[in-house]
Amino acid sequence: MLTPEADLYVPGVRNSEDLSDAIEASIGQGSSFHRQFGYYCDGVSPGTAVMPTDWEARTIIYESTGCPGVTAVVPDPDDLALSKAVAWRDKDKAWLKSGVRAKLFSLHTMAARLVRMPDRAPAIDEMTRRLAWLAAECGVSLTHEESPHPRIPKTPG
């Protein structure tokens, strides 16, 4: 589950794609920032992560006096995992398997949220197939609640 990347999105700008490109050029993968600190940022736009339509209701907001004007919006782990199931690249599948095995999110909760996925997500039957594949790969059941990681509070449905 450890990854050297963080997604960075700046809301309220006119052309988020241009800003996303600028972020990647200055602190993205392979940049001097990446080489110096060992991690990097991927610039993202509002359409990058495809999550349930009500995902913002479950976010955790972090602000710090050490970084005035910066707010971190952290999606619920199950919503973030659904966005990885939408993307379905090899790196996403590996991340998902690692998270299921570590009980960082719940396939049961993810399946329950499929009805709230936006139209640009794959069809529910395809998403269900992906979750079933993931359950089989990890040796867990898709039909009952897995025990969530004890440090991550679960929000129903």
C-alpha atoms as a PDB file:
ATOM      1  CA  MET A   1       0.000   0.000   0.000  1.00  0.00           C
ATOM      2  CA  LEU A   2       2.932   2.347   0.310  1.00  0.00           C
ATOM      3  CA  THR A   3       3.243   4.497  -2.727  1.00  0.00           C
ATOM      4  CA  PRO A   4       5.622   7.350  -3.521  1.00  0.00           C
ATOM      5  CA  GLU A   5       2.889   9.344  -5.245  1.00  0.00           C
ATOM      6  CA  ALA A   6       0.247  11.763  -4.031  1.00  0.00           C
ATOM      7  CA  ASP A   7      -2.518  13.222  -6.165  1.00  0.00           C
ATOM      8  CA  LEU A   8      -2.680  17.007  -6.102  1.00  0.00           C
ATOM      9  CA  TYR A   9      -5.725  18.952  -7.247  1.00  0.00           C
ATOM     10  CA  VAL A  10      -6.222  22.702  -6.987  1.00  0.00           C
ATOM     11  CA  PRO A  11      -9.923  23.637  -7.109  1.00  0.00           C
ATOM     12  CA  GLY A  12     -11.331  26.815  -8.544  1.00  0.00           C
ATOM     13  CA  VAL A  13      -8.867  27.342 -11.392  1.00  0.00           C
ATOM     14  CA  ARG A  14     -10.043  27.920 -14.942  1.00  0.00           C
ATOM     15  CA  ASN A  15      -7.875  25.402 -16.728  1.00  0.00           C
ATOM     16  CA  SER A  16      -7.115  22.608 -14.290  1.00  0.00           C
ATOM     17  CA  GLU A  17      -5.515  20.525 -17.066  1.00  0.00           C
ATOM     18  CA  ASP A  18      -2.787  23.154 -17.617  1.00  0.00           C
ATOM     19  CA  LEU A  19      -2.194  23.420 -13.866  1.00  0.00           C
ATOM     20  CA  SER A  20      -2.079  19.630 -13.632  1.00  0.00           C
ATOM     21  CA  ASP A  21       0.635  19.586 -16.310  1.00  0.00           C
ATOM     22  CA  ALA A  22       2.594  22.298 -14.449  1.00  0.00           C
ATOM     23  CA  ILE A  23       2.396  20.311 -11.194  1.00  0.00           C
ATOM     24  CA  GLU A  24       3.741  17.212 -12.905  1.00  0.00           C
ATOM     25  CA  ALA A  25       6.559  19.176 -14.535  1.00  0.00           C
ATOM     26  CA  SER A  26       7.737  20.751 -11.280  1.00  0.00           C
ATOM     27  CA  ILE A  27       7.086  18.107  -8.589  1.00  0.00           C
ATOM     28  CA  GLY A  28       6.032  15.067 -10.619  1.00  0.00           C
ATOM     29  CA  GLN A  29       7.618  11.684 -11.150  1.00  0.00           C
ATOM     30  CA  GLY A  30      11.285  11.966 -12.115  1.00  0.00           C
ATOM     31  CA  SER A  31      11.512  15.655 -11.090  1.00  0.00           C
ATOM     32  CA  SER A  32      14.300  17.052  -8.918  1.00  0.00           C
ATOM     33  CA  PHE A  33      11.688  17.240  -6.115  1.00  0.00           C
ATOM     34  CA  HIS A  34      11.060  13.499  -6.506  1.00  0.00           C
ATOM     35  CA  ARG A  35      14.767  12.708  -6.488  1.00  0.00           C
ATOM     36  CA  GLN A  36      15.383  14.876  -3.424  1.00  0.00           C
ATOM     37  CA  PHE A  37      12.440  13.831  -1.243  1.00  0.00           C
ATOM     38  CA  GLY A  38      11.560  10.342  -2.528  1.00  0.00           C
ATOM     39  CA  TYR A  39       7.943  11.084  -3.388  1.00  0.00           C
ATOM     40  CA  TYR A  40       6.138  13.034  -6.073  1.00  0.00           C
ATOM     41  CA  CYS A  41       2.765  14.503  -6.991  1.00  0.00           C
ATOM     42  CA  ASP A  42       0.504  13.658  -9.869  1.00  0.00           C
ATOM     43  CA  GLY A  43      -1.502  16.664 -10.963  1.00  0.00           C
ATOM     44  CA  VAL A  44      -5.151  15.684 -11.232  1.00  0.00           C
ATOM     45  CA  SER A  45      -8.379  17.315 -12.353  1.00  0.00           C
ATOM     46  CA  PRO A  46     -11.985  16.877 -11.191  1.00  0.00           C
ATOM     47  CA  GLY A  47     -12.537  14.006 -13.613  1.00  0.00           C
ATOM     48  CA  THR A  48      -9.469  11.979 -12.651  1.00  0.00           C
ATOM     49  CA  ALA A  49     -11.014   9.895  -9.859  1.00  0.00           C
ATOM     50  CA  VAL A  50     -14.424   8.404 -10.636  1.00  0.00           C
ATOM     51  CA  MET A  51     -16.096   7.883  -7.264  1.00  0.00           C
ATOM     52  CA  PRO A  52     -19.690   7.582  -6.021  1.00  0.00           C
ATOM     53  CA  THR A  53     -21.704  10.747  -6.542  1.00  0.00           C
ATOM     54  CA  ASP A  54     -21.935  11.330  -2.767  1.00  0.00           C
ATOM     55  CA  TRP A  55     -18.227  10.768  -1.996  1.00  0.00           C
ATOM     56  CA  GLU A  56     -17.709  14.286  -0.635  1.00  0.00           C
ATOM     57  CA  ALA A  57     -20.087  13.575   2.263  1.00  0.00           C
ATOM     58  CA  ARG A  58     -17.588  11.019   3.596  1.00  0.00           C
ATOM     59  CA  THR A  59     -14.334  12.966   3.228  1.00  0.00           C
ATOM     60  CA  ILE A  60     -12.001  13.916   6.045  1.00  0.00           C
ATOM     61  CA  ILE A  61     -10.690  17.491   5.927  1.00  0.00           C
ATOM     62  CA  TYR A  62      -7.217  18.327   7.238  1.00  0.00           C
ATOM     63  CA  GLU A  63      -5.875  21.833   7.768  1.00  0.00           C
ATOM     64  CA  SER A  64      -2.700  22.888   9.551  1.00  0.00           C
ATOM     65  CA  THR A  65      -1.377  26.162  10.875  1.00  0.00           C
ATOM     66  CA  GLY A  66       1.979  25.003   9.504  1.00  0.00           C
ATOM     67  CA  CYS A  67       0.604  25.260   5.954  1.00  0.00           C
ATOM     68  CA  PRO A  68      -1.769  28.217   5.897  1.00  0.00           C
ATOM     69  CA  GLY A  69      -4.200  28.227   3.016  1.00  0.00           C
ATOM     70  CA  VAL A  70      -3.728  24.525   2.277  1.00  0.00           C
ATOM     71  CA  THR A  71      -6.572  22.084   2.870  1.00  0.00           C
ATOM     72  CA  ALA A  72      -6.209  18.352   2.367  1.00  0.00           C
ATOM     73  CA  VAL A  73      -9.432  16.595   1.386  1.00  0.00           C
ATOM     74  CA  VAL A  74      -9.084  12.869   1.982  1.00  0.00           C
ATOM     75  CA  PRO A  75     -11.689  10.584   0.404  1.00  0.00           C
ATOM     76  CA  ASP A  76     -13.139   7.628   2.298  1.00  0.00           C
ATOM     77  CA  PRO A  77     -10.987   4.529   1.628  1.00  0.00           C
ATOM     78  CA  ASP A  78     -13.901   2.622   0.049  1.00  0.00           C
ATOM     79  CA  ASP A  79     -14.640   5.508  -2.345  1.00  0.00           C
ATOM     80  CA  LEU A  80     -10.982   5.784  -3.299  1.00  0.00           C
ATOM     81  CA  ALA A  81     -10.830   2.017  -3.835  1.00  0.00           C
ATOM     82  CA  LEU A  82     -13.840   2.249  -6.154  1.00  0.00           C
ATOM     83  CA  SER A  83     -11.988   4.828  -8.241  1.00  0.00           C
ATOM     84  CA  LYS A  84      -9.112   2.352  -8.558  1.00  0.00           C
ATOM     85  CA  ALA A  85     -11.603  -0.353  -9.617  1.00  0.00           C
ATOM     86  CA  VAL A  86     -12.863   2.033 -12.307  1.00  0.00           C
ATOM     87  CA  ALA A  87      -9.325   2.716 -13.601  1.00  0.00           C
ATOM     88  CA  TRP A  88      -8.449  -1.009 -13.411  1.00  0.00           C
ATOM     89  CA  ARG A  89      -4.820  -0.696 -14.548  1.00  0.00           C
ATOM     90  CA  ASP A  90      -2.285  -3.258 -13.351  1.00  0.00           C
ATOM     91  CA  LYS A  91      -0.991  -0.841 -10.698  1.00  0.00           C
ATOM     92  CA  ASP A  92      -4.582  -0.262  -9.502  1.00  0.00           C
ATOM     93  CA  LYS A  93      -5.260  -3.991  -9.238  1.00  0.00           C
ATOM     94  CA  ALA A  94      -2.059  -4.466  -7.207  1.00  0.00           C
ATOM     95  CA  TRP A  95      -3.030  -1.549  -4.935  1.00  0.00           C
ATOM     96  CA  LEU A  96      -6.536  -2.956  -4.488  1.00  0.00           C
ATOM     97  CA  LYS A  97      -5.279  -6.452  -3.645  1.00  0.00           C
ATOM     98  CA  SER A  98      -2.883  -5.016  -1.081  1.00  0.00           C
ATOM     99  CA  GLY A  99      -5.653  -2.932   0.500  1.00  0.00           C
ATOM    100  CA  VAL A 100      -8.138  -5.813   0.664  1.00  0.00           C
ATOM    101  CA  ARG A 101      -5.529  -8.061   2.269  1.00  0.00           C
ATOM    102  CA  ALA A 102      -4.687  -5.327   4.806  1.00  0.00           C
ATOM    103  CA  LYS A 103      -8.437  -4.763   5.441  1.00  0.00           C
ATOM    104  CA  LEU A 104      -8.154  -1.069   4.634  1.00  0.00           C
ATOM    105  CA  PHE A 105     -11.473  -1.080   2.832  1.00  0.00           C
ATOM    106  CA  SER A 106     -14.515  -3.303   2.428  1.00  0.00           C
ATOM    107  CA  LEU A 107     -15.591  -5.031  -0.773  1.00  0.00           C
ATOM    108  CA  HIS A 108     -19.059  -5.294   0.756  1.00  0.00           C
ATOM    109  CA  THR A 109     -19.281  -1.510   1.229  1.00  0.00           C
ATOM    110  CA  MET A 110     -17.813  -0.913  -2.222  1.00  0.00           C
ATOM    111  CA  ALA A 111     -20.436  -3.199  -3.799  1.00  0.00           C
ATOM    112  CA  ALA A 112     -23.215  -1.372  -1.934  1.00  0.00           C
ATOM    113  CA  ARG A 113     -22.018   1.952  -3.368  1.00  0.00           C
ATOM    114  CA  LEU A 114     -22.018   0.812  -7.007  1.00  0.00           C
ATOM    115  CA  VAL A 115     -25.547   2.147  -7.510  1.00  0.00           C
ATOM    116  CA  ARG A 116     -24.203   5.652  -6.815  1.00  0.00           C
ATOM    117  CA  MET A 117     -21.412   5.555  -9.377  1.00  0.00           C
ATOM    118  CA  PRO A 118     -21.626   8.223 -12.101  1.00  0.00           C
ATOM    119  CA  ASP A 119     -22.474   7.364 -15.704  1.00  0.00           C
ATOM    120  CA  ARG A 120     -18.833   7.591 -16.806  1.00  0.00           C
ATOM    121  CA  ALA A 121     -17.978   4.560 -14.615  1.00  0.00           C
ATOM    122  CA  PRO A 122     -18.223   1.080 -16.153  1.00  0.00           C
ATOM    123  CA  ALA A 123     -21.652  -0.554 -15.901  1.00  0.00           C
ATOM    124  CA  ILE A 124     -22.638  -2.060 -12.542  1.00  0.00           C
ATOM    125  CA  ASP A 125     -22.313  -5.625 -13.873  1.00  0.00           C
ATOM    126  CA  GLU A 126     -18.721  -4.925 -14.981  1.00  0.00           C
ATOM    127  CA  MET A 127     -17.863  -3.291 -11.658  1.00  0.00           C
ATOM    128  CA  THR A 128     -19.401  -6.240  -9.817  1.00  0.00           C
ATOM    129  CA  ARG A 129     -17.283  -8.592 -11.953  1.00  0.00           C
ATOM    130  CA  ARG A 130     -14.161  -6.620 -11.003  1.00  0.00           C
ATOM    131  CA  LEU A 131     -15.015  -6.763  -7.294  1.00  0.00           C
ATOM    132  CA  ALA A 132     -15.716 -10.515  -7.561  1.00  0.00           C
ATOM    133  CA  TRP A 133     -12.332 -11.016  -9.251  1.00  0.00           C
ATOM    134  CA  LEU A 134     -10.669  -9.025  -6.479  1.00  0.00           C
ATOM    135  CA  ALA A 135     -12.447 -11.064  -3.787  1.00  0.00           C
ATOM    136  CA  ALA A 136     -11.340 -14.311  -5.437  1.00  0.00           C
ATOM    137  CA  GLU A 137      -7.742 -13.083  -5.798  1.00  0.00           C
ATOM    138  CA  CYS A 138      -7.650 -12.191  -2.098  1.00  0.00           C
ATOM    139  CA  GLY A 139      -9.589 -15.196  -0.813  1.00  0.00           C
ATOM    140  CA  VAL A 140     -12.377 -13.129   0.752  1.00  0.00           C
ATOM    141  CA  SER A 141     -16.134 -13.079   0.359  1.00  0.00           C
ATOM    142  CA  LEU A 142     -17.934 -10.385  -1.562  1.00  0.00           C
ATOM    143  CA  THR A 143     -21.251 -11.294   0.077  1.00  0.00           C
ATOM    144  CA  HIS A 144     -20.466 -10.432   3.712  1.00  0.00           C
ATOM    145  CA  GLU A 145     -18.788  -7.592   5.545  1.00  0.00           C
ATOM    146  CA  GLU A 146     -15.059  -7.931   6.050  1.00  0.00           C
ATOM    147  CA  SER A 147     -13.558  -6.588   9.253  1.00  0.00           C
ATOM    148  CA  PRO A 148     -12.295  -3.088   8.502  1.00  0.00           C
ATOM    149  CA  HIS A 149      -8.864  -1.946   9.566  1.00  0.00           C
ATOM    150  CA  PRO A 150      -9.243  -0.930  13.238  1.00  0.00           C
ATOM    151  CA  ARG A 151      -7.716   2.531  12.746  1.00  0.00           C
ATOM    152  CA  ILE A 152      -9.985   3.577   9.893  1.00  0.00           C
ATOM    153  CA  PRO A 153     -13.541   4.438  10.960  1.00  0.00           C
ATOM    154  CA  LYS A 154     -16.172   2.960   8.678  1.00  0.00           C
ATOM    155  CA  THR A 155     -19.137   4.954   7.454  1.00  0.00           C
ATOM    156  CA  PRO A 156     -22.211   2.892   6.546  1.00  0.00           C
ATOM    157  CA  GLY A 157     -23.082   2.493   2.860  1.00  0.00           C
END
